[in-house]
């Protein structure tokens, strides 16, 4: 979701008109998916996610 918000203007089109909002979200979601597929095909690694304190303590024990 963050990738879509950063890459497009999804926050601005929140609740103005449902049909127009949906019309904007569909191509934006398609664009995000195309970028993800392109990155996967090129072998780019995924971004590191945050490790929770619980998982970090389980790894160290």
N, C-alpha and C. Protein backbone atom coordinates (compact mmCIF):
# COMPACT_ATOMS: atom_id res chain seq x y z
N UNK A 1 0.82 -1.19 0.00
CA UNK A 1 0.00 0.00 0.00
C UNK A 1 0.87 1.27 0.00
N UNK A 2 1.93 1.23 0.79
CA UNK A 2 2.80 2.41 0.84
C UNK A 2 3.42 2.69 -0.52
N UNK A 3 3.73 1.62 -1.23
CA UNK A 3 4.31 1.79 -2.56
C UNK A 3 3.34 2.50 -3.49
N UNK A 4 2.06 2.18 -3.38
CA UNK A 4 1.05 2.82 -4.22
C UNK A 4 0.85 4.28 -3.83
N UNK A 5 0.88 4.57 -2.55
CA UNK A 5 0.68 5.95 -2.09
C UNK A 5 1.86 6.81 -2.49
N UNK A 6 3.06 6.27 -2.37
CA UNK A 6 4.25 7.06 -2.72
C UNK A 6 4.38 7.25 -4.22
N UNK A 7 3.96 6.26 -5.00
CA UNK A 7 4.14 6.33 -6.43
C UNK A 7 3.04 7.04 -7.18
N UNK A 8 1.92 7.26 -6.54
CA UNK A 8 0.81 7.94 -7.21
C UNK A 8 0.13 8.87 -6.21
N UNK A 9 -0.99 9.39 -6.60
CA UNK A 9 -1.70 10.36 -5.76
C UNK A 9 -2.93 9.73 -5.11
N UNK A 10 -2.80 8.53 -4.58
CA UNK A 10 -3.95 7.82 -4.03
C UNK A 10 -4.56 8.51 -2.82
N UNK A 11 -3.74 9.16 -2.01
CA UNK A 11 -4.29 9.82 -0.83
C UNK A 11 -5.22 10.96 -1.17
N UNK A 12 -4.94 11.64 -2.24
CA UNK A 12 -5.75 12.80 -2.58
C UNK A 12 -7.15 12.40 -3.04
N UNK A 13 -7.28 11.23 -3.66
CA UNK A 13 -8.55 10.78 -4.20
C UNK A 13 -9.27 9.86 -3.24
N UNK A 14 -9.39 10.23 -2.01
CA UNK A 14 -9.89 9.31 -1.02
C UNK A 14 -11.39 9.05 -1.13
N UNK A 15 -12.22 10.02 -0.89
CA UNK A 15 -13.66 9.76 -0.85
C UNK A 15 -14.47 10.77 -1.65
N UNK A 16 -13.91 11.42 -2.63
CA UNK A 16 -14.65 12.46 -3.34
C UNK A 16 -15.82 11.89 -4.13
N UNK A 17 -15.54 10.97 -5.00
CA UNK A 17 -16.58 10.34 -5.80
C UNK A 17 -16.15 8.89 -5.97
N UNK A 18 -16.98 7.98 -5.51
CA UNK A 18 -16.58 6.59 -5.46
C UNK A 18 -16.23 6.03 -6.83
N UNK A 19 -17.00 6.35 -7.85
CA UNK A 19 -16.73 5.82 -9.19
C UNK A 19 -15.41 6.36 -9.73
N UNK A 20 -15.19 7.66 -9.56
CA UNK A 20 -13.94 8.25 -10.03
C UNK A 20 -12.76 7.72 -9.23
N UNK A 21 -12.95 7.53 -7.93
CA UNK A 21 -11.88 7.00 -7.10
C UNK A 21 -11.50 5.61 -7.56
N UNK A 22 -12.50 4.77 -7.81
CA UNK A 22 -12.23 3.42 -8.28
C UNK A 22 -11.53 3.45 -9.64
N UNK A 23 -11.98 4.35 -10.49
CA UNK A 23 -11.37 4.48 -11.81
C UNK A 23 -9.90 4.88 -11.71
N UNK A 24 -9.54 5.61 -10.67
CA UNK A 24 -8.15 6.00 -10.47
C UNK A 24 -7.35 4.88 -9.80
N UNK A 25 -7.96 4.13 -8.89
CA UNK A 25 -7.23 3.11 -8.15
C UNK A 25 -6.86 1.90 -9.01
N UNK A 26 -7.71 1.54 -9.95
CA UNK A 26 -7.44 0.36 -10.78
C UNK A 26 -6.15 0.53 -11.59
N UNK A 27 -5.98 1.60 -12.38
CA UNK A 27 -4.71 1.73 -13.10
C UNK A 27 -3.51 1.93 -12.18
N UNK A 28 -3.71 2.57 -11.03
CA UNK A 28 -2.60 2.74 -10.10
C UNK A 28 -2.17 1.39 -9.55
N UNK A 29 -3.12 0.52 -9.22
CA UNK A 29 -2.78 -0.82 -8.74
C UNK A 29 -2.11 -1.64 -9.83
N UNK A 30 -2.56 -1.48 -11.06
CA UNK A 30 -1.92 -2.18 -12.18
C UNK A 30 -0.47 -1.71 -12.35
N UNK A 31 -0.24 -0.43 -12.21
CA UNK A 31 1.12 0.10 -12.35
C UNK A 31 2.03 -0.43 -11.25
N UNK A 32 1.54 -0.49 -10.03
CA UNK A 32 2.33 -1.03 -8.92
C UNK A 32 2.67 -2.49 -9.19
N UNK A 33 1.69 -3.26 -9.68
CA UNK A 33 1.94 -4.67 -9.97
C UNK A 33 2.94 -4.84 -11.10
N UNK A 34 2.87 -3.98 -12.11
CA UNK A 34 3.83 -4.06 -13.21
C UNK A 34 5.25 -3.76 -12.73
N UNK A 35 5.38 -2.79 -11.86
CA UNK A 35 6.70 -2.47 -11.30
C UNK A 35 7.22 -3.65 -10.49
N UNK A 36 6.35 -4.27 -9.69
CA UNK A 36 6.77 -5.42 -8.89
C UNK A 36 7.18 -6.59 -9.77
N UNK A 37 6.43 -6.84 -10.85
CA UNK A 37 6.76 -7.93 -11.77
C UNK A 37 8.10 -7.64 -12.46
N UNK A 38 8.30 -6.41 -12.89
CA UNK A 38 9.56 -6.04 -13.54
C UNK A 38 10.73 -6.23 -12.60
N UNK A 39 10.58 -5.81 -11.35
CA UNK A 39 11.65 -5.99 -10.36
C UNK A 39 11.92 -7.47 -10.11
N UNK A 40 10.87 -8.29 -10.07
CA UNK A 40 11.02 -9.72 -9.84
C UNK A 40 11.75 -10.37 -11.02
N UNK A 41 11.39 -9.97 -12.25
CA UNK A 41 12.03 -10.54 -13.43
C UNK A 41 13.51 -10.15 -13.53
N UNK A 42 13.85 -8.94 -13.06
CA UNK A 42 15.23 -8.49 -13.10
C UNK A 42 16.04 -9.02 -11.92
N UNK A 43 15.37 -9.69 -10.99
CA UNK A 43 16.07 -10.29 -9.86
C UNK A 43 16.42 -9.33 -8.76
N UNK A 44 15.75 -8.20 -8.69
CA UNK A 44 16.02 -7.25 -7.62
C UNK A 44 15.46 -7.78 -6.31
N UNK A 45 16.22 -7.70 -5.24
CA UNK A 45 15.74 -8.23 -3.95
C UNK A 45 14.62 -7.36 -3.38
N UNK A 46 13.80 -7.98 -2.57
CA UNK A 46 12.73 -7.25 -1.90
C UNK A 46 13.32 -6.37 -0.81
N UNK A 47 12.60 -5.34 -0.44
CA UNK A 47 13.06 -4.45 0.63
C UNK A 47 13.04 -5.20 1.96
N UNK A 48 13.97 -4.87 2.81
CA UNK A 48 14.01 -5.49 4.13
C UNK A 48 12.85 -4.98 4.97
N UNK A 49 12.21 -5.87 5.67
CA UNK A 49 11.13 -5.47 6.56
C UNK A 49 11.66 -5.39 7.98
N UNK A 50 10.92 -4.71 8.80
CA UNK A 50 11.33 -4.54 10.19
C UNK A 50 11.17 -5.86 10.94
N UNK A 51 12.14 -6.19 11.79
CA UNK A 51 12.05 -7.37 12.63
C UNK A 51 11.49 -6.96 13.98
N UNK A 52 10.43 -7.63 14.41
CA UNK A 52 9.82 -7.28 15.68
C UNK A 52 10.75 -7.65 16.83
N UNK A 53 10.53 -7.06 17.96
CA UNK A 53 11.35 -7.35 19.14
C UNK A 53 11.20 -8.81 19.54
N UNK A 54 9.99 -9.34 19.41
CA UNK A 54 9.74 -10.74 19.76
C UNK A 54 10.55 -11.68 18.85
N UNK A 55 10.52 -11.41 17.54
CA UNK A 55 11.27 -12.25 16.61
C UNK A 55 12.76 -12.12 16.83
N UNK A 56 13.23 -10.92 17.15
CA UNK A 56 14.64 -10.71 17.40
C UNK A 56 15.07 -11.46 18.66
N UNK A 57 14.24 -11.47 19.70
CA UNK A 57 14.59 -12.19 20.93
C UNK A 57 14.53 -13.69 20.70
N UNK A 58 13.65 -14.16 19.84
CA UNK A 58 13.57 -15.60 19.55
C UNK A 58 14.79 -16.04 18.76
N UNK A 59 15.31 -15.18 17.88
CA UNK A 59 16.49 -15.52 17.10
C UNK A 59 17.75 -15.58 17.97
N UNK A 60 17.81 -14.72 18.97
CA UNK A 60 19.01 -14.67 19.81
C UNK A 60 19.02 -15.77 20.87
N UNK A 61 17.87 -16.35 21.16
CA UNK A 61 17.79 -17.37 22.22
C UNK A 61 18.13 -18.75 21.74
